[in-house]
Amino acid sequence: MDLAGWRVVKADMDKISSFHNDCLWKICSIFWFQNVSSEDLYRRTGCTNIWLTIEHRRLRRLHVRNKGGEGGG
């Protein structure tokens, strides 16, 4: 995946995802021994997987860039 001019490899995305989940767990005061899955964490917070968020923004940026050449802005 290429994001804003720099290549994002799976190892980088795993680190970003882990950091994102850690932040959500801290915000919700969820501790490791409570065995909360990522899907349950996203349901509780109303967030989505950070991979999906980044991919959505990347595709939206690509779409805007492509429309810019047509004069549509």
PDB file of N, CA and C in Angstrom:
ATOM      1  N   MET A   1       0.851  -1.174   0.000  1.00  0.00           N
ATOM      2  CA  MET A   1       0.000   0.000   0.000  1.00  0.00           C
ATOM      3  C   MET A   1       0.893   1.232   0.000  1.00  0.00           C
ATOM      4  N   ASP A   2       0.527   2.231  -0.771  1.00  0.00           N
ATOM      5  CA  ASP A   2       1.273   3.475  -0.824  1.00  0.00           C
ATOM      6  C   ASP A   2       0.383   4.568  -0.250  1.00  0.00           C
ATOM      7  N   LEU A   3       0.853   5.246   0.781  1.00  0.00           N
ATOM      8  CA  LEU A   3       0.038   6.244   1.468  1.00  0.00           C
ATOM      9  C   LEU A   3       0.765   7.577   1.446  1.00  0.00           C
ATOM     10  N   ALA A   4       0.245   8.523   0.681  1.00  0.00           N
ATOM     11  CA  ALA A   4       0.791   9.875   0.609  1.00  0.00           C
ATOM     12  C   ALA A   4       2.282   9.871   0.290  1.00  0.00           C
ATOM     13  N   GLY A   5       2.669   9.026  -0.663  1.00  0.00           N
ATOM     14  CA  GLY A   5       4.046   9.060  -1.120  1.00  0.00           C
ATOM     15  C   GLY A   5       5.006   8.145  -0.386  1.00  0.00           C
ATOM     16  N   TRP A   6       4.586   7.491   0.677  1.00  0.00           N
ATOM     17  CA  TRP A   6       5.489   6.548   1.340  1.00  0.00           C
ATOM     18  C   TRP A   6       4.827   5.195   1.430  1.00  0.00           C
ATOM     19  N   ARG A   7       5.629   4.189   1.257  1.00  0.00           N
ATOM     20  CA  ARG A   7       5.131   2.810   1.229  1.00  0.00           C
ATOM     21  C   ARG A   7       4.889   2.317   2.646  1.00  0.00           C
ATOM     22  N   VAL A   8       3.718   1.742   2.853  1.00  0.00           N
ATOM     23  CA  VAL A   8       3.356   1.186   4.154  1.00  0.00           C
ATOM     24  C   VAL A   8       3.376  -0.333   4.021  1.00  0.00           C
ATOM     25  N   VAL A   9       4.270  -0.976   4.738  1.00  0.00           N
ATOM     26  CA  VAL A   9       4.346  -2.429   4.694  1.00  0.00           C
ATOM     27  C   VAL A   9       3.502  -3.015   5.827  1.00  0.00           C
ATOM     28  N   LYS A  10       3.252  -4.308   5.742  1.00  0.00           N
ATOM     29  CA  LYS A  10       2.393  -4.966   6.718  1.00  0.00           C
ATOM     30  C   LYS A  10       2.929  -4.798   8.139  1.00  0.00           C
ATOM     31  N   ALA A  11       4.231  -4.855   8.319  1.00  0.00           N
ATOM     32  CA  ALA A  11       4.816  -4.699   9.653  1.00  0.00           C
ATOM     33  C   ALA A  11       4.501  -3.316  10.230  1.00  0.00           C
ATOM     34  N   ASP A  12       4.556  -2.291   9.380  1.00  0.00           N
ATOM     35  CA  ASP A  12       4.213  -0.940   9.837  1.00  0.00           C
ATOM     36  C   ASP A  12       2.739  -0.853  10.215  1.00  0.00           C
ATOM     37  N   MET A  13       1.874  -1.443   9.390  1.00  0.00           N
ATOM     38  CA  MET A  13       0.445  -1.395   9.671  1.00  0.00           C
ATOM     39  C   MET A  13       0.118  -2.165  10.946  1.00  0.00           C
ATOM     40  N   ASP A  14       0.831  -3.271  11.196  1.00  0.00           N
ATOM     41  CA  ASP A  14       0.612  -4.022  12.433  1.00  0.00           C
ATOM     42  C   ASP A  14       0.970  -3.172  13.650  1.00  0.00           C
ATOM     43  N   LYS A  15       2.056  -2.414  13.561  1.00  0.00           N
ATOM     44  CA  LYS A  15       2.466  -1.545  14.665  1.00  0.00           C
ATOM     45  C   LYS A  15       1.454  -0.423  14.877  1.00  0.00           C
ATOM     46  N   ILE A  16       0.981   0.172  13.777  1.00  0.00           N
ATOM     47  CA  ILE A  16      -0.015   1.244  13.879  1.00  0.00           C
ATOM     48  C   ILE A  16      -1.306   0.704  14.481  1.00  0.00           C
ATOM     49  N   SER A  17      -1.722  -0.472  14.031  1.00  0.00           N
ATOM     50  CA  SER A  17      -2.945  -1.086  14.539  1.00  0.00           C
ATOM     51  C   SER A  17      -2.820  -1.412  16.029  1.00  0.00           C
ATOM     52  N   SER A  18      -1.686  -1.932  16.422  1.00  0.00           N
ATOM     53  CA  SER A  18      -1.453  -2.259  17.822  1.00  0.00           C
ATOM     54  C   SER A  18      -1.500  -0.995  18.688  1.00  0.00           C
ATOM     55  N   PHE A  19      -0.858   0.068  18.213  1.00  0.00           N
ATOM     56  CA  PHE A  19      -0.877   1.333  18.946  1.00  0.00           C
ATOM     57  C   PHE A  19      -2.306   1.870  19.064  1.00  0.00           C
ATOM     58  N   HIS A  20      -3.056   1.810  17.978  1.00  0.00           N
ATOM     59  CA  HIS A  20      -4.441   2.284  17.967  1.00  0.00           C
ATOM     60  C   HIS A  20      -5.283   1.519  18.985  1.00  0.00           C
ATOM     61  N   ASN A  21      -5.151   0.180  18.983  1.00  0.00           N
ATOM     62  CA  ASN A  21      -5.914  -0.627  19.928  1.00  0.00           C
ATOM     63  C   ASN A  21      -5.497  -0.354  21.366  1.00  0.00           C
ATOM     64  N   ASP A  22      -4.189  -0.193  21.612  1.00  0.00           N
ATOM     65  CA  ASP A  22      -3.717   0.138  22.957  1.00  0.00           C
ATOM     66  C   ASP A  22      -4.341   1.436  23.462  1.00  0.00           C
ATOM     67  N   CYS A  23      -4.412   2.421  22.586  1.00  0.00           N
ATOM     68  CA  CYS A  23      -5.021   3.698  22.972  1.00  0.00           C
ATOM     69  C   CYS A  23      -6.499   3.526  23.304  1.00  0.00           C
ATOM     70  N   LEU A  24      -7.211   2.759  22.493  1.00  0.00           N
ATOM     71  CA  LEU A  24      -8.635   2.528  22.754  1.00  0.00           C
ATOM     72  C   LEU A  24      -8.837   1.787  24.073  1.00  0.00           C
ATOM     73  N   TRP A  25      -7.985   0.785  24.341  1.00  0.00           N
ATOM     74  CA  TRP A  25      -8.090   0.050  25.604  1.00  0.00           C
ATOM     75  C   TRP A  25      -7.871   0.976  26.794  1.00  0.00           C
ATOM     76  N   LYS A  26      -6.905   1.879  26.683  1.00  0.00           N
ATOM     77  CA  LYS A  26      -6.633   2.817  27.788  1.00  0.00           C
ATOM     78  C   LYS A  26      -7.793   3.790  27.972  1.00  0.00           C
ATOM     79  N   ILE A  27      -8.348   4.286  26.863  1.00  0.00           N
ATOM     80  CA  ILE A  27      -9.473   5.217  26.947  1.00  0.00           C
ATOM     81  C   ILE A  27     -10.662   4.559  27.640  1.00  0.00           C
ATOM     82  N   CYS A  28     -10.893   3.283  27.338  1.00  0.00           N
ATOM     83  CA  CYS A  28     -12.035   2.549  27.895  1.00  0.00           C
ATOM     84  C   CYS A  28     -11.725   1.879  29.229  1.00  0.00           C
ATOM     85  N   SER A  29     -10.508   2.052  29.718  1.00  0.00           N
ATOM     86  CA  SER A  29     -10.067   1.408  30.969  1.00  0.00           C
ATOM     87  C   SER A  29     -10.238  -0.111  30.913  1.00  0.00           C
ATOM     88  N   ILE A  30      -9.843  -0.690  29.799  1.00  0.00           N
ATOM     89  CA  ILE A  30      -9.877  -2.137  29.630  1.00  0.00           C
ATOM     90  C   ILE A  30      -8.460  -2.661  29.818  1.00  0.00           C
ATOM     91  N   PHE A  31      -8.309  -3.689  30.637  1.00  0.00           N
ATOM     92  CA  PHE A  31      -6.994  -4.239  30.923  1.00  0.00           C
ATOM     93  C   PHE A  31      -6.816  -5.581  30.231  1.00  0.00           C
ATOM     94  N   TRP A  32      -5.569  -5.995  30.060  1.00  0.00           N
ATOM     95  CA  TRP A  32      -5.241  -7.193  29.287  1.00  0.00           C
ATOM     96  C   TRP A  32      -5.928  -8.444  29.820  1.00  0.00           C
ATOM     97  N   PHE A  33      -6.130  -8.533  31.112  1.00  0.00           N
ATOM     98  CA  PHE A  33      -6.710  -9.749  31.693  1.00  0.00           C
ATOM     99  C   PHE A  33      -8.215  -9.848  31.474  1.00  0.00           C
ATOM    100  N   GLN A  34      -8.843  -8.813  30.928  1.00  0.00           N
ATOM    101  CA  GLN A  34     -10.279  -8.845  30.671  1.00  0.00           C
ATOM    102  C   GLN A  34     -10.633  -9.559  29.360  1.00  0.00           C
ATOM    103  N   ASN A  35      -9.631  -9.915  28.575  1.00  0.00           N
ATOM    104  CA  ASN A  35      -9.820 -10.681  27.333  1.00  0.00           C
ATOM    105  C   ASN A  35     -10.897 -10.094  26.420  1.00  0.00           C
ATOM    106  N   VAL A  36     -10.760  -8.839  26.063  1.00  0.00           N
ATOM    107  CA  VAL A  36     -11.692  -8.180  25.152  1.00  0.00           C
ATOM    108  C   VAL A  36     -11.108  -8.268  23.739  1.00  0.00           C
ATOM    109  N   SER A  37     -11.880  -8.812  22.816  1.00  0.00           N
ATOM    110  CA  SER A  37     -11.401  -8.938  21.439  1.00  0.00           C
ATOM    111  C   SER A  37     -11.389  -7.567  20.766  1.00  0.00           C
ATOM    112  N   SER A  38     -10.650  -7.489  19.677  1.00  0.00           N
ATOM    113  CA  SER A  38     -10.596  -6.230  18.929  1.00  0.00           C
ATOM    114  C   SER A  38     -11.970  -5.858  18.394  1.00  0.00           C
ATOM    115  N   GLU A  39     -12.714  -6.842  17.907  1.00  0.00           N
ATOM    116  CA  GLU A  39     -14.053  -6.565  17.375  1.00  0.00           C
ATOM    117  C   GLU A  39     -14.974  -6.006  18.454  1.00  0.00           C
ATOM    118  N   ASP A  40     -14.891  -6.574  19.660  1.00  0.00           N
ATOM    119  CA  ASP A  40     -15.703  -6.079  20.775  1.00  0.00           C
ATOM    120  C   ASP A  40     -15.255  -4.670  21.171  1.00  0.00           C
ATOM    121  N   LEU A  41     -13.963  -4.442  21.137  1.00  0.00           N
ATOM    122  CA  LEU A  41     -13.422  -3.113  21.446  1.00  0.00           C
ATOM    123  C   LEU A  41     -13.964  -2.076  20.465  1.00  0.00           C
ATOM    124  N   TYR A  42     -13.982  -2.427  19.175  1.00  0.00           N
ATOM    125  CA  TYR A  42     -14.499  -1.503  18.161  1.00  0.00           C
ATOM    126  C   TYR A  42     -15.988  -1.262  18.349  1.00  0.00           C
ATOM    127  N   ARG A  43     -16.727  -2.309  18.734  1.00  0.00           N
ATOM    128  CA  ARG A  43     -18.166  -2.144  18.993  1.00  0.00           C
ATOM    129  C   ARG A  43     -18.396  -1.206  20.174  1.00  0.00           C
ATOM    130  N   ARG A  44     -17.625  -1.385  21.236  1.00  0.00           N
ATOM    131  CA  ARG A  44     -17.802  -0.548  22.439  1.00  0.00           C
ATOM    132  C   ARG A  44     -17.478   0.916  22.168  1.00  0.00           C
ATOM    133  N   THR A  45     -16.458   1.161  21.332  1.00  0.00           N
ATOM    134  CA  THR A  45     -16.007   2.534  21.099  1.00  0.00           C
ATOM    135  C   THR A  45     -16.655   3.188  19.886  1.00  0.00           C
ATOM    136  N   GLY A  46     -17.255   2.372  19.019  1.00  0.00           N
ATOM    137  CA  GLY A  46     -17.822   2.921  17.798  1.00  0.00           C
ATOM    138  C   GLY A  46     -16.754   3.198  16.744  1.00  0.00           C
ATOM    139  N   CYS A  47     -15.539   2.717  16.968  1.00  0.00           N
ATOM    140  CA  CYS A  47     -14.440   2.886  16.019  1.00  0.00           C
ATOM    141  C   CYS A  47     -14.377   1.694  15.083  1.00  0.00           C
ATOM    142  N   THR A  48     -13.562   1.826  14.063  1.00  0.00           N
ATOM    143  CA  THR A  48     -13.297   0.714  13.163  1.00  0.00           C
ATOM    144  C   THR A  48     -11.817   0.378  13.209  1.00  0.00           C
ATOM    145  N   ASN A  49     -11.477  -0.703  12.561  1.00  0.00           N
ATOM    146  CA  ASN A  49     -10.090  -1.091  12.441  1.00  0.00           C
ATOM    147  C   ASN A  49      -9.331   0.036  11.746  1.00  0.00           C
ATOM    148  N   ILE A  50      -8.164   0.386  12.244  1.00  0.00           N
ATOM    149  CA  ILE A  50      -7.392   1.503  11.686  1.00  0.00           C
ATOM    150  C   ILE A  50      -7.007   1.231  10.241  1.00  0.00           C
ATOM    151  N   TRP A  51      -6.832  -0.049   9.876  1.00  0.00           N
ATOM    152  CA  TRP A  51      -6.533  -0.403   8.482  1.00  0.00           C
ATOM    153  C   TRP A  51      -7.647   0.096   7.572  1.00  0.00           C
ATOM    154  N   LEU A  52      -8.889  -0.127   7.989  1.00  0.00           N
ATOM    155  CA  LEU A  52     -10.033   0.285   7.176  1.00  0.00           C
ATOM    156  C   LEU A  52     -10.105   1.803   7.057  1.00  0.00           C
ATOM    157  N   THR A  53      -9.826   2.487   8.147  1.00  0.00           N
ATOM    158  CA  THR A  53      -9.853   3.950   8.141  1.00  0.00           C
ATOM    159  C   THR A  53      -8.803   4.513   7.193  1.00  0.00           C
ATOM    160  N   ILE A  54      -7.595   3.989   7.275  1.00  0.00           N
ATOM    161  CA  ILE A  54      -6.511   4.473   6.409  1.00  0.00           C
ATOM    162  C   ILE A  54      -6.815   4.160   4.950  1.00  0.00           C
ATOM    163  N   GLU A  55      -7.287   2.967   4.671  1.00  0.00           N
ATOM    164  CA  GLU A  55      -7.605   2.589   3.293  1.00  0.00           C
ATOM    165  C   GLU A  55      -8.734   3.454   2.739  1.00  0.00           C
ATOM    166  N   HIS A  56      -9.751   3.730   3.559  1.00  0.00           N
ATOM    167  CA  HIS A  56     -10.860   4.582   3.126  1.00  0.00           C
ATOM    168  C   HIS A  56     -10.359   5.985   2.777  1.00  0.00           C
ATOM    169  N   ARG A  57      -9.517   6.548   3.631  1.00  0.00           N
ATOM    170  CA  ARG A  57      -8.992   7.895   3.368  1.00  0.00           C
ATOM    171  C   ARG A  57      -8.082   7.911   2.146  1.00  0.00           C
ATOM    172  N   ARG A  58      -7.300   6.833   1.985  1.00  0.00           N
ATOM    173  CA  ARG A  58      -6.414   6.756   0.828  1.00  0.00           C
ATOM    174  C   ARG A  58      -7.228   6.707  -0.461  1.00  0.00           C
ATOM    175  N   LEU A  59      -8.279   5.890  -0.479  1.00  0.00           N
ATOM    176  CA  LEU A  59      -9.119   5.793  -1.669  1.00  0.00           C
ATOM    177  C   LEU A  59      -9.867   7.096  -1.935  1.00  0.00           C
ATOM    178  N   ARG A  60     -10.318   7.756  -0.891  1.00  0.00           N
ATOM    179  CA  ARG A  60     -11.015   9.033  -1.060  1.00  0.00           C
ATOM    180  C   ARG A  60     -10.062  10.080  -1.641  1.00  0.00           C
ATOM    181  N   ARG A  61      -8.821  10.098  -1.154  1.00  0.00           N
ATOM    182  CA  ARG A  61      -7.824  11.041  -1.658  1.00  0.00           C
ATOM    183  C   ARG A  61      -7.525  10.746  -3.121  1.00  0.00           C
ATOM    184  N   LEU A  62      -7.442   9.469  -3.468  1.00  0.00           N
ATOM    185  CA  LEU A  62      -7.193   9.063  -4.842  1.00  0.00           C
ATOM    186  C   LEU A  62      -8.349   9.506  -5.731  1.00  0.00           C
ATOM    187  N   HIS A  63      -9.567   9.348  -5.254  1.00  0.00           N
ATOM    188  CA  HIS A  63     -10.756   9.737  -6.003  1.00  0.00           C
ATOM    189  C   HIS A  63     -10.767  11.242  -6.253  1.00  0.00           C
ATOM    190  N   VAL A  64     -10.453  12.032  -5.227  1.00  0.00           N
ATOM    191  CA  VAL A  64     -10.417  13.493  -5.369  1.00  0.00           C
ATOM    192  C   VAL A  64      -9.330  13.890  -6.352  1.00  0.00           C
ATOM    193  N   ARG A  65      -8.185  13.212  -6.264  1.00  0.00           N
ATOM    194  CA  ARG A  65      -7.070  13.526  -7.177  1.00  0.00           C
ATOM    195  C   ARG A  65      -7.480  13.236  -8.612  1.00  0.00           C
ATOM    196  N   ASN A  66      -8.180  12.124  -8.850  1.00  0.00           N
ATOM    197  CA  ASN A  66      -8.612  11.778 -10.193  1.00  0.00           C
ATOM    198  C   ASN A  66      -9.679  12.744 -10.712  1.00  0.00           C
ATOM    199  N   LYS A  67     -10.575  13.180  -9.866  1.00  0.00           N
ATOM    200  CA  LYS A  67     -11.627  14.118 -10.273  1.00  0.00           C
ATOM    201  C   LYS A  67     -11.016  15.495 -10.568  1.00  0.00           C
ATOM    202  N   GLY A  68      -9.907  15.822  -9.918  1.00  0.00           N
ATOM    203  CA  GLY A  68      -9.276  17.124 -10.119  1.00  0.00           C
ATOM    204  C   GLY A  68      -8.859  17.322 -11.568  1.00  0.00           C
ATOM    205  N   GLY A  69      -8.483  16.271 -12.262  1.00  0.00           N
ATOM    206  CA  GLY A  69      -8.073  16.366 -13.654  1.00  0.00           C
ATOM    207  C   GLY A  69      -9.232  16.611 -14.591  1.00  0.00           C
ATOM    208  N   GLU A  70     -10.442  16.314 -14.145  1.00  0.00           N
ATOM    209  CA  GLU A  70     -11.634  16.497 -14.981  1.00  0.00           C
ATOM    210  C   GLU A  70     -12.250  17.867 -14.805  1.00  0.00           C
ATOM    211  N   GLY A  71     -11.704  18.668 -13.931  1.00  0.00           N
ATOM    212  CA  GLY A  71     -12.268  19.988 -13.675  1.00  0.00           C
ATOM    213  C   GLY A  71     -13.409  19.968 -12.684  1.00  0.00           C
ATOM    214  N   GLY A  72     -13.705  18.793 -12.084  1.00  0.00           N
ATOM    215  CA  GLY A  72     -14.810  18.692 -11.155  1.00  0.00           C
ATOM    216  C   GLY A  72     -14.454  19.069  -9.735  1.00  0.00           C
ATOM    217  N   GLY A  73     -13.159  19.024  -9.374  1.00  0.00           N
ATOM    218  CA  GLY A  73     -12.705  19.423  -8.069  1.00  0.00           C
ATOM    219  C   GLY A  73     -12.965  18.493  -7.032  1.00  0.00           C
TER     220      GLY A  73
END
